[in-house]
């Protein structure tokens, strides 16, 4: 079989936006929220645990993942797995930023921020315990910060549990919030996650066979290439989320 040539025209609009965010030494950050803005009002009582910090970090991480794929494509070293894994990282981060910017009211947005911060600090605590790390004088452990976040939520009248945001539900809510079809977005994300975790099924659902070699009396080894018709929707969803976050953040970080 002759391997089909990778045609990446569908990736170019996303790559153009990502490349425009490259600086000489770092990616361009989303700007800090103006003190009179809606986002600043959301964050005022949250102190260190602001939504803006998480949004800006997620956006930059999403850009870095998408740019890594751009560089792989630019150098002509496209394999059947990395485009899925990298686009998954971009989509998850842009979806997280969109989810934090969404919410029906200020209380819900603060709740979302504190849920994510609690999970962030819980993960930090796990790493501290795995590495026997002890904060320096005046510092707080991840466990202490988890408790601090829970106490802050109660002080703000947020009595709902600060449950870990589940990736699939977060992505579905973010997709619905910007007018995308949640099931389509989560389906594309699920395939990408399958590739990232080395699952077998995505190879059957989202790759194209290039060649087959008998590996034994009862099985064949398949050489696979990326199925662009399957990868394109993931790319489109990721690009839509990037554009939404840029526009929504700018509006909420500048206007009352």
C-alpha atoms as a PDB file:
ATOM      1  CA  UNK A   1       0.000   0.000   0.000  1.00  0.00           C
ATOM      2  CA  UNK A   2       1.157   3.551  -0.675  1.00  0.00           C
ATOM      3  CA  UNK A   3       0.799   5.736   2.419  1.00  0.00           C
ATOM      4  CA  UNK A   4      -1.542   8.665   1.830  1.00  0.00           C
ATOM      5  CA  UNK A   5       0.110  12.058   1.993  1.00  0.00           C
ATOM      6  CA  UNK A   6      -0.790  14.071   5.077  1.00  0.00           C
ATOM      7  CA  UNK A   7      -2.822  17.082   3.973  1.00  0.00           C
ATOM      8  CA  UNK A   8      -2.878  19.541   6.840  1.00  0.00           C
ATOM      9  CA  UNK A   9      -4.792  22.431   5.264  1.00  0.00           C
ATOM     10  CA  UNK A  10      -7.535  22.040   7.868  1.00  0.00           C
ATOM     11  CA  UNK A  11      -4.954  22.706  10.600  1.00  0.00           C
ATOM     12  CA  UNK A  12      -3.704  25.953   9.077  1.00  0.00           C
ATOM     13  CA  UNK A  13      -6.297  28.370  10.565  1.00  0.00           C
ATOM     14  CA  UNK A  14      -5.485  27.126  14.063  1.00  0.00           C
ATOM     15  CA  UNK A  15      -1.752  27.176  13.346  1.00  0.00           C
ATOM     16  CA  UNK A  16      -1.975  30.764  12.067  1.00  0.00           C
ATOM     17  CA  UNK A  17      -3.619  31.921  15.294  1.00  0.00           C
ATOM     18  CA  UNK A  18      -1.139  30.023  17.432  1.00  0.00           C
ATOM     19  CA  UNK A  19       1.874  31.309  15.520  1.00  0.00           C
ATOM     20  CA  UNK A  20       0.646  34.878  16.010  1.00  0.00           C
ATOM     21  CA  UNK A  21       0.923  34.303  19.768  1.00  0.00           C
ATOM     22  CA  UNK A  22       4.578  33.299  19.668  1.00  0.00           C
ATOM     23  CA  UNK A  23       7.003  35.815  21.106  1.00  0.00           C
ATOM     24  CA  UNK A  24      10.785  35.811  21.037  1.00  0.00           C
ATOM     25  CA  UNK A  25      11.118  34.111  24.409  1.00  0.00           C
ATOM     26  CA  UNK A  26       7.560  33.140  25.435  1.00  0.00           C
ATOM     27  CA  UNK A  27       3.970  32.944  24.255  1.00  0.00           C
ATOM     28  CA  UNK A  28       1.882  36.082  24.578  1.00  0.00           C
ATOM     29  CA  UNK A  29      -0.154  36.011  27.773  1.00  0.00           C
ATOM     30  CA  UNK A  30      -3.745  37.055  28.161  1.00  0.00           C
ATOM     31  CA  UNK A  31      -3.571  40.479  29.845  1.00  0.00           C
ATOM     32  CA  UNK A  32      -4.309  41.032  33.509  1.00  0.00           C
ATOM     33  CA  UNK A  33      -7.900  41.969  34.262  1.00  0.00           C
ATOM     34  CA  UNK A  34      -8.587  45.674  34.729  1.00  0.00           C
ATOM     35  CA  UNK A  35      -9.589  46.600  38.270  1.00  0.00           C
ATOM     36  CA  UNK A  36     -13.036  47.834  37.172  1.00  0.00           C
ATOM     37  CA  UNK A  37     -13.836  44.754  35.083  1.00  0.00           C
ATOM     38  CA  UNK A  38     -16.405  42.031  35.592  1.00  0.00           C
ATOM     39  CA  UNK A  39     -13.661  39.424  35.952  1.00  0.00           C
ATOM     40  CA  UNK A  40     -11.895  41.472  38.630  1.00  0.00           C
ATOM     41  CA  UNK A  41     -15.195  41.693  40.541  1.00  0.00           C
ATOM     42  CA  UNK A  42     -15.532  37.905  40.355  1.00  0.00           C
ATOM     43  CA  UNK A  43     -12.022  37.494  41.699  1.00  0.00           C
ATOM     44  CA  UNK A  44     -12.026  40.223  44.351  1.00  0.00           C
ATOM     45  CA  UNK A  45     -12.780  37.965  47.355  1.00  0.00           C
ATOM     46  CA  UNK A  46     -10.796  34.993  46.024  1.00  0.00           C
ATOM     47  CA  UNK A  47      -7.368  36.489  46.641  1.00  0.00           C
ATOM     48  CA  UNK A  48      -4.661  34.073  45.537  1.00  0.00           C
ATOM     49  CA  UNK A  49      -7.259  31.693  44.134  1.00  0.00           C
ATOM     50  CA  UNK A  50      -8.455  33.882  41.300  1.00  0.00           C
ATOM     51  CA  UNK A  51     -10.127  32.559  38.164  1.00  0.00           C
ATOM     52  CA  UNK A  52      -7.957  34.836  36.026  1.00  0.00           C
ATOM     53  CA  UNK A  53      -4.808  33.011  37.117  1.00  0.00           C
ATOM     54  CA  UNK A  54      -6.256  29.658  36.086  1.00  0.00           C
ATOM     55  CA  UNK A  55      -7.695  31.002  32.823  1.00  0.00           C
ATOM     56  CA  UNK A  56      -4.416  32.561  31.753  1.00  0.00           C
ATOM     57  CA  UNK A  57      -2.431  29.436  32.673  1.00  0.00           C
ATOM     58  CA  UNK A  58      -4.855  27.155  30.815  1.00  0.00           C
ATOM     59  CA  UNK A  59      -4.844  29.363  27.729  1.00  0.00           C
ATOM     60  CA  UNK A  60      -1.050  29.426  27.541  1.00  0.00           C
ATOM     61  CA  UNK A  61      -0.844  25.650  28.026  1.00  0.00           C
ATOM     62  CA  UNK A  62      -3.362  25.166  25.223  1.00  0.00           C
ATOM     63  CA  UNK A  63      -1.347  27.369  22.897  1.00  0.00           C
ATOM     64  CA  UNK A  64       1.851  25.473  23.736  1.00  0.00           C
ATOM     65  CA  UNK A  65       0.249  22.114  22.880  1.00  0.00           C
ATOM     66  CA  UNK A  66      -1.134  23.383  19.573  1.00  0.00           C
ATOM     67  CA  UNK A  67       2.187  25.003  18.705  1.00  0.00           C
ATOM     68  CA  UNK A  68       4.044  21.761  19.396  1.00  0.00           C
ATOM     69  CA  UNK A  69       1.835  20.073  16.803  1.00  0.00           C
ATOM     70  CA  UNK A  70       2.464  22.951  14.388  1.00  0.00           C
ATOM     71  CA  UNK A  71       6.197  22.388  14.689  1.00  0.00           C
ATOM     72  CA  UNK A  72       5.856  18.630  14.168  1.00  0.00           C
ATOM     73  CA  UNK A  73       3.824  19.202  11.014  1.00  0.00           C
ATOM     74  CA  UNK A  74       6.249  21.879   9.828  1.00  0.00           C
ATOM     75  CA  UNK A  75       9.115  19.395  10.049  1.00  0.00           C
ATOM     76  CA  UNK A  76       7.146  16.655   8.282  1.00  0.00           C
ATOM     77  CA  UNK A  77       7.357  14.185  11.153  1.00  0.00           C
ATOM     78  CA  UNK A  78       3.682  13.367  11.608  1.00  0.00           C
ATOM     79  CA  UNK A  79       2.941  10.050  13.311  1.00  0.00           C
ATOM     80  CA  UNK A  80      -0.540   8.565  13.907  1.00  0.00           C
ATOM     81  CA  UNK A  81      -0.615   9.326  17.654  1.00  0.00           C
ATOM     82  CA  UNK A  82       0.983  12.690  18.496  1.00  0.00           C
ATOM     83  CA  UNK A  83      -1.529  14.869  16.589  1.00  0.00           C
ATOM     84  CA  UNK A  84      -4.301  13.392  18.725  1.00  0.00           C
ATOM     85  CA  UNK A  85      -2.408  13.668  21.983  1.00  0.00           C
ATOM     86  CA  UNK A  86      -1.285  17.250  21.418  1.00  0.00           C
ATOM     87  CA  UNK A  87      -4.662  18.427  20.171  1.00  0.00           C
ATOM     88  CA  UNK A  88      -6.267  16.806  23.181  1.00  0.00           C
ATOM     89  CA  UNK A  89      -3.993  18.853  25.446  1.00  0.00           C
ATOM     90  CA  UNK A  90      -4.938  22.017  23.578  1.00  0.00           C
ATOM     91  CA  UNK A  91      -8.669  21.301  23.652  1.00  0.00           C
ATOM     92  CA  UNK A  92      -8.740  20.410  27.355  1.00  0.00           C
ATOM     93  CA  UNK A  93      -6.952  23.620  28.300  1.00  0.00           C
ATOM     94  CA  UNK A  94      -9.050  25.900  26.107  1.00  0.00           C
ATOM     95  CA  UNK A  95     -12.207  24.158  27.361  1.00  0.00           C
ATOM     96  CA  UNK A  96     -11.094  24.702  30.965  1.00  0.00           C
ATOM     97  CA  UNK A  97     -10.595  28.416  30.324  1.00  0.00           C
ATOM     98  CA  UNK A  98     -13.984  28.644  28.590  1.00  0.00           C
ATOM     99  CA  UNK A  99     -15.663  26.798  31.471  1.00  0.00           C
ATOM    100  CA  UNK A 100     -14.165  29.189  34.025  1.00  0.00           C
ATOM    101  CA  UNK A 101     -15.341  32.182  31.981  1.00  0.00           C
ATOM    102  CA  UNK A 102     -18.850  30.736  31.731  1.00  0.00           C
ATOM    103  CA  UNK A 103     -21.399  30.118  34.460  1.00  0.00           C
ATOM    104  CA  UNK A 104     -24.783  31.691  34.964  1.00  0.00           C
ATOM    105  CA  UNK A 105     -23.761  34.102  37.708  1.00  0.00           C
ATOM    106  CA  UNK A 106     -20.881  35.296  39.874  1.00  0.00           C
ATOM    107  CA  UNK A 107     -21.451  32.666  42.570  1.00  0.00           C
ATOM    108  CA  UNK A 108     -21.293  29.840  40.045  1.00  0.00           C
ATOM    109  CA  UNK A 109     -18.132  31.205  38.465  1.00  0.00           C
ATOM    110  CA  UNK A 110     -16.458  31.491  41.875  1.00  0.00           C
ATOM    111  CA  UNK A 111     -17.581  27.961  42.675  1.00  0.00           C
ATOM    112  CA  UNK A 112     -15.989  26.684  39.466  1.00  0.00           C
ATOM    113  CA  UNK A 113     -12.750  28.484  40.215  1.00  0.00           C
ATOM    114  CA  UNK A 114     -12.543  27.112  43.751  1.00  0.00           C
ATOM    115  CA  UNK A 115     -13.350  23.590  42.550  1.00  0.00           C
ATOM    116  CA  UNK A 116     -10.438  23.721  40.143  1.00  0.00           C
ATOM    117  CA  UNK A 117      -8.113  25.327  42.676  1.00  0.00           C
ATOM    118  CA  UNK A 118      -8.978  22.658  45.242  1.00  0.00           C
ATOM    119  CA  UNK A 119      -8.109  19.913  42.751  1.00  0.00           C
ATOM    120  CA  UNK A 120      -4.911  21.769  41.821  1.00  0.00           C
ATOM    121  CA  UNK A 121      -3.807  21.891  45.451  1.00  0.00           C
ATOM    122  CA  UNK A 122      -4.881  18.298  46.077  1.00  0.00           C
ATOM    123  CA  UNK A 123      -2.581  17.232  43.242  1.00  0.00           C
ATOM    124  CA  UNK A 124       0.143  19.424  44.701  1.00  0.00           C
ATOM    125  CA  UNK A 125      -0.290  17.701  48.071  1.00  0.00           C
ATOM    126  CA  UNK A 126       0.076  14.311  46.423  1.00  0.00           C
ATOM    127  CA  UNK A 127       3.319  15.413  44.784  1.00  0.00           C
ATOM    128  CA  UNK A 128       4.632  16.801  48.079  1.00  0.00           C
ATOM    129  CA  UNK A 129       3.915  13.481  49.770  1.00  0.00           C
ATOM    130  CA  UNK A 130       5.505  11.490  46.939  1.00  0.00           C
ATOM    131  CA  UNK A 131       8.677  13.590  47.101  1.00  0.00           C
ATOM    132  CA  UNK A 132       8.769  14.241  50.870  1.00  0.00           C
ATOM    133  CA  UNK A 133       8.712  17.959  50.111  1.00  0.00           C
ATOM    134  CA  UNK A 134       8.254  20.323  53.061  1.00  0.00           C
ATOM    135  CA  UNK A 135       7.479  24.020  52.360  1.00  0.00           C
ATOM    136  CA  UNK A 136       9.926  26.579  53.656  1.00  0.00           C
ATOM    137  CA  UNK A 137       9.306  28.855  56.648  1.00  0.00           C
ATOM    138  CA  UNK A 138       5.925  30.571  56.343  1.00  0.00           C
ATOM    139  CA  UNK A 139       4.865  28.326  53.457  1.00  0.00           C
ATOM    140  CA  UNK A 140       1.779  26.131  53.387  1.00  0.00           C
ATOM    141  CA  UNK A 141       1.440  22.545  52.316  1.00  0.00           C
ATOM    142  CA  UNK A 142      -0.955  21.482  49.609  1.00  0.00           C
ATOM    143  CA  UNK A 143      -3.180  19.917  52.259  1.00  0.00           C
ATOM    144  CA  UNK A 144      -3.285  23.183  54.193  1.00  0.00           C
ATOM    145  CA  UNK A 145      -4.206  25.049  51.034  1.00  0.00           C
ATOM    146  CA  UNK A 146      -6.995  22.586  50.265  1.00  0.00           C
ATOM    147  CA  UNK A 147      -8.471  23.379  53.677  1.00  0.00           C
ATOM    148  CA  UNK A 148      -7.960  27.107  53.098  1.00  0.00           C
ATOM    149  CA  UNK A 149      -9.899  26.894  49.840  1.00  0.00           C
ATOM    150  CA  UNK A 150     -12.726  24.964  51.479  1.00  0.00           C
ATOM    151  CA  UNK A 151     -12.929  27.558  54.261  1.00  0.00           C
ATOM    152  CA  UNK A 152     -12.957  30.369  51.695  1.00  0.00           C
ATOM    153  CA  UNK A 153     -15.869  28.756  49.871  1.00  0.00           C
ATOM    154  CA  UNK A 154     -17.918  28.584  53.067  1.00  0.00           C
ATOM    155  CA  UNK A 155     -17.104  32.215  53.897  1.00  0.00           C
ATOM    156  CA  UNK A 156     -18.491  33.192  50.470  1.00  0.00           C
ATOM    157  CA  UNK A 157     -21.724  31.301  51.052  1.00  0.00           C
ATOM    158  CA  UNK A 158     -20.716  28.463  48.712  1.00  0.00           C
ATOM    159  CA  UNK A 159     -21.874  25.344  50.508  1.00  0.00           C
ATOM    160  CA  UNK A 160     -21.874  22.961  47.542  1.00  0.00           C
ATOM    161  CA  UNK A 161     -19.077  20.438  47.650  1.00  0.00           C
ATOM    162  CA  UNK A 162     -15.944  21.500  45.796  1.00  0.00           C
ATOM    163  CA  UNK A 163     -16.020  18.389  43.640  1.00  0.00           C
ATOM    164  CA  UNK A 164     -13.214  17.573  41.256  1.00  0.00           C
ATOM    165  CA  UNK A 165     -14.168  18.853  37.784  1.00  0.00           C
ATOM    166  CA  UNK A 166     -14.500  15.738  35.606  1.00  0.00           C
ATOM    167  CA  UNK A 167     -12.833  16.326  32.247  1.00  0.00           C
ATOM    168  CA  UNK A 168     -15.671  14.945  30.127  1.00  0.00           C
ATOM    169  CA  UNK A 169     -18.371  16.928  31.909  1.00  0.00           C
ATOM    170  CA  UNK A 170     -16.257  20.093  31.928  1.00  0.00           C
ATOM    171  CA  UNK A 171     -15.655  19.815  28.180  1.00  0.00           C
ATOM    172  CA  UNK A 172     -19.338  19.159  27.503  1.00  0.00           C
ATOM    173  CA  UNK A 173     -20.369  22.197  29.554  1.00  0.00           C
ATOM    174  CA  UNK A 174     -17.751  24.388  27.879  1.00  0.00           C
ATOM    175  CA  UNK A 175     -18.874  23.195  24.437  1.00  0.00           C
ATOM    176  CA  UNK A 176     -22.531  23.871  25.158  1.00  0.00           C
ATOM    177  CA  UNK A 177     -21.638  27.295  26.520  1.00  0.00           C
ATOM    178  CA  UNK A 178     -20.150  28.417  23.209  1.00  0.00           C
ATOM    179  CA  UNK A 179     -22.772  26.839  20.964  1.00  0.00           C
ATOM    180  CA  UNK A 180     -21.008  23.606  20.004  1.00  0.00           C
ATOM    181  CA  UNK A 181     -22.691  20.206  20.128  1.00  0.00           C
ATOM    182  CA  UNK A 182     -21.397  18.656  23.378  1.00  0.00           C
ATOM    183  CA  UNK A 183     -21.583  15.027  22.219  1.00  0.00           C
ATOM    184  CA  UNK A 184     -19.561  15.778  19.096  1.00  0.00           C
ATOM    185  CA  UNK A 185     -16.883  17.561  21.098  1.00  0.00           C
ATOM    186  CA  UNK A 186     -16.642  14.886  23.788  1.00  0.00           C
ATOM    187  CA  UNK A 187     -16.568  12.129  21.152  1.00  0.00           C
ATOM    188  CA  UNK A 188     -13.553  13.745  19.455  1.00  0.00           C
ATOM    189  CA  UNK A 189     -11.899  14.343  22.830  1.00  0.00           C
ATOM    190  CA  UNK A 190     -12.528  10.739  23.900  1.00  0.00           C
ATOM    191  CA  UNK A 191     -10.770   9.396  20.811  1.00  0.00           C
ATOM    192  CA  UNK A 192      -7.835  11.729  21.476  1.00  0.00           C
ATOM    193  CA  UNK A 193      -7.669  10.569  25.091  1.00  0.00           C
ATOM    194  CA  UNK A 194      -7.651   6.978  23.893  1.00  0.00           C
ATOM    195  CA  UNK A 195      -4.555   7.666  21.810  1.00  0.00           C
ATOM    196  CA  UNK A 196      -2.906   9.539  24.683  1.00  0.00           C
ATOM    197  CA  UNK A 197      -3.394   6.561  27.005  1.00  0.00           C
ATOM    198  CA  UNK A 198      -2.321   3.931  24.495  1.00  0.00           C
ATOM    199  CA  UNK A 199      -5.760   2.370  24.149  1.00  0.00           C
ATOM    200  CA  UNK A 200      -6.352  -0.037  21.293  1.00  0.00           C
ATOM    201  CA  UNK A 201      -9.826   1.001  20.139  1.00  0.00           C
ATOM    202  CA  UNK A 202      -8.933   4.468  18.721  1.00  0.00           C
ATOM    203  CA  UNK A 203      -6.646   2.794  16.189  1.00  0.00           C
ATOM    204  CA  UNK A 204      -9.700   1.018  14.796  1.00  0.00           C
ATOM    205  CA  UNK A 205     -11.998   4.041  14.931  1.00  0.00           C
ATOM    206  CA  UNK A 206      -9.755   6.971  14.032  1.00  0.00           C
ATOM    207  CA  UNK A 207      -6.792   5.687  12.005  1.00  0.00           C
ATOM    208  CA  UNK A 208      -6.297   4.433   8.453  1.00  0.00           C
ATOM    209  CA  UNK A 209      -4.424   1.199   7.661  1.00  0.00           C
ATOM    210  CA  UNK A 210      -1.320   1.707   5.536  1.00  0.00           C
ATOM    211  CA  UNK A 211       0.024  -1.829   5.435  1.00  0.00           C
ATOM    212  CA  UNK A 212      -0.335  -5.222   7.093  1.00  0.00           C
ATOM    213  CA  UNK A 213       2.357  -7.765   7.893  1.00  0.00           C
ATOM    214  CA  UNK A 214       1.669 -11.255   9.203  1.00  0.00           C
ATOM    215  CA  UNK A 215       2.976 -11.335  12.768  1.00  0.00           C
ATOM    216  CA  UNK A 216       2.117 -14.955  13.444  1.00  0.00           C
ATOM    217  CA  UNK A 217      -0.179 -17.752  12.350  1.00  0.00           C
ATOM    218  CA  UNK A 218      -3.269 -16.034  13.712  1.00  0.00           C
ATOM    219  CA  UNK A 219      -2.604 -12.294  13.639  1.00  0.00           C
ATOM    220  CA  UNK A 220      -1.313  -9.366  11.563  1.00  0.00           C
ATOM    221  CA  UNK A 221       0.642  -6.256  12.498  1.00  0.00           C
ATOM    222  CA  UNK A 222      -1.042  -3.150  11.099  1.00  0.00           C
ATOM    223  CA  UNK A 223       0.795   0.003  10.042  1.00  0.00           C
ATOM    224  CA  UNK A 224      -1.523   2.949  10.613  1.00  0.00           C
ATOM    225  CA  UNK A 225      -1.660   6.630   9.622  1.00  0.00           C
ATOM    226  CA  UNK A 226      -3.788   9.455  10.953  1.00  0.00           C
ATOM    227  CA  UNK A 227      -7.331   9.667   9.583  1.00  0.00           C
ATOM    228  CA  UNK A 228      -7.666  13.357   8.810  1.00  0.00           C
ATOM    229  CA  UNK A 229     -11.449  13.173   8.484  1.00  0.00           C
ATOM    230  CA  UNK A 230     -11.549  12.064  12.138  1.00  0.00           C
ATOM    231  CA  UNK A 231      -8.900  14.505  13.368  1.00  0.00           C
ATOM    232  CA  UNK A 232     -10.429  17.524  11.611  1.00  0.00           C
ATOM    233  CA  UNK A 233     -13.463  17.866  13.954  1.00  0.00           C
ATOM    234  CA  UNK A 234     -11.167  17.813  16.991  1.00  0.00           C
ATOM    235  CA  UNK A 235      -9.128  20.582  15.407  1.00  0.00           C
ATOM    236  CA  UNK A 236     -12.202  22.650  14.574  1.00  0.00           C
ATOM    237  CA  UNK A 237     -13.556  22.344  18.120  1.00  0.00           C
ATOM    238  CA  UNK A 238     -10.182  23.304  19.573  1.00  0.00           C
ATOM    239  CA  UNK A 239      -9.916  26.353  17.343  1.00  0.00           C
ATOM    240  CA  UNK A 240     -13.456  27.455  18.205  1.00  0.00           C
ATOM    241  CA  UNK A 241     -12.659  27.231  21.917  1.00  0.00           C
ATOM    242  CA  UNK A 242      -9.418  29.197  21.481  1.00  0.00           C
ATOM    243  CA  UNK A 243     -11.235  31.987  19.633  1.00  0.00           C
ATOM    244  CA  UNK A 244     -14.019  32.048  22.217  1.00  0.00           C
ATOM    245  CA  UNK A 245     -11.620  32.303  25.150  1.00  0.00           C
ATOM    246  CA  UNK A 246      -9.752  35.186  23.537  1.00  0.00           C
ATOM    247  CA  UNK A 247     -12.949  37.136  22.876  1.00  0.00           C
ATOM    248  CA  UNK A 248     -14.710  36.288  26.130  1.00  0.00           C
ATOM    249  CA  UNK A 249     -11.694  36.951  28.309  1.00  0.00           C
ATOM    250  CA  UNK A 250     -11.035  40.297  26.628  1.00  0.00           C
ATOM    251  CA  UNK A 251     -14.652  41.328  27.204  1.00  0.00           C
ATOM    252  CA  UNK A 252     -14.791  40.225  30.833  1.00  0.00           C
ATOM    253  CA  UNK A 253     -11.307  41.534  31.700  1.00  0.00           C
ATOM    254  CA  UNK A 254     -12.000  45.033  30.373  1.00  0.00           C
ATOM    255  CA  UNK A 255     -15.731  45.793  30.792  1.00  0.00           C
ATOM    256  CA  UNK A 256     -17.644  46.154  34.081  1.00  0.00           C
END
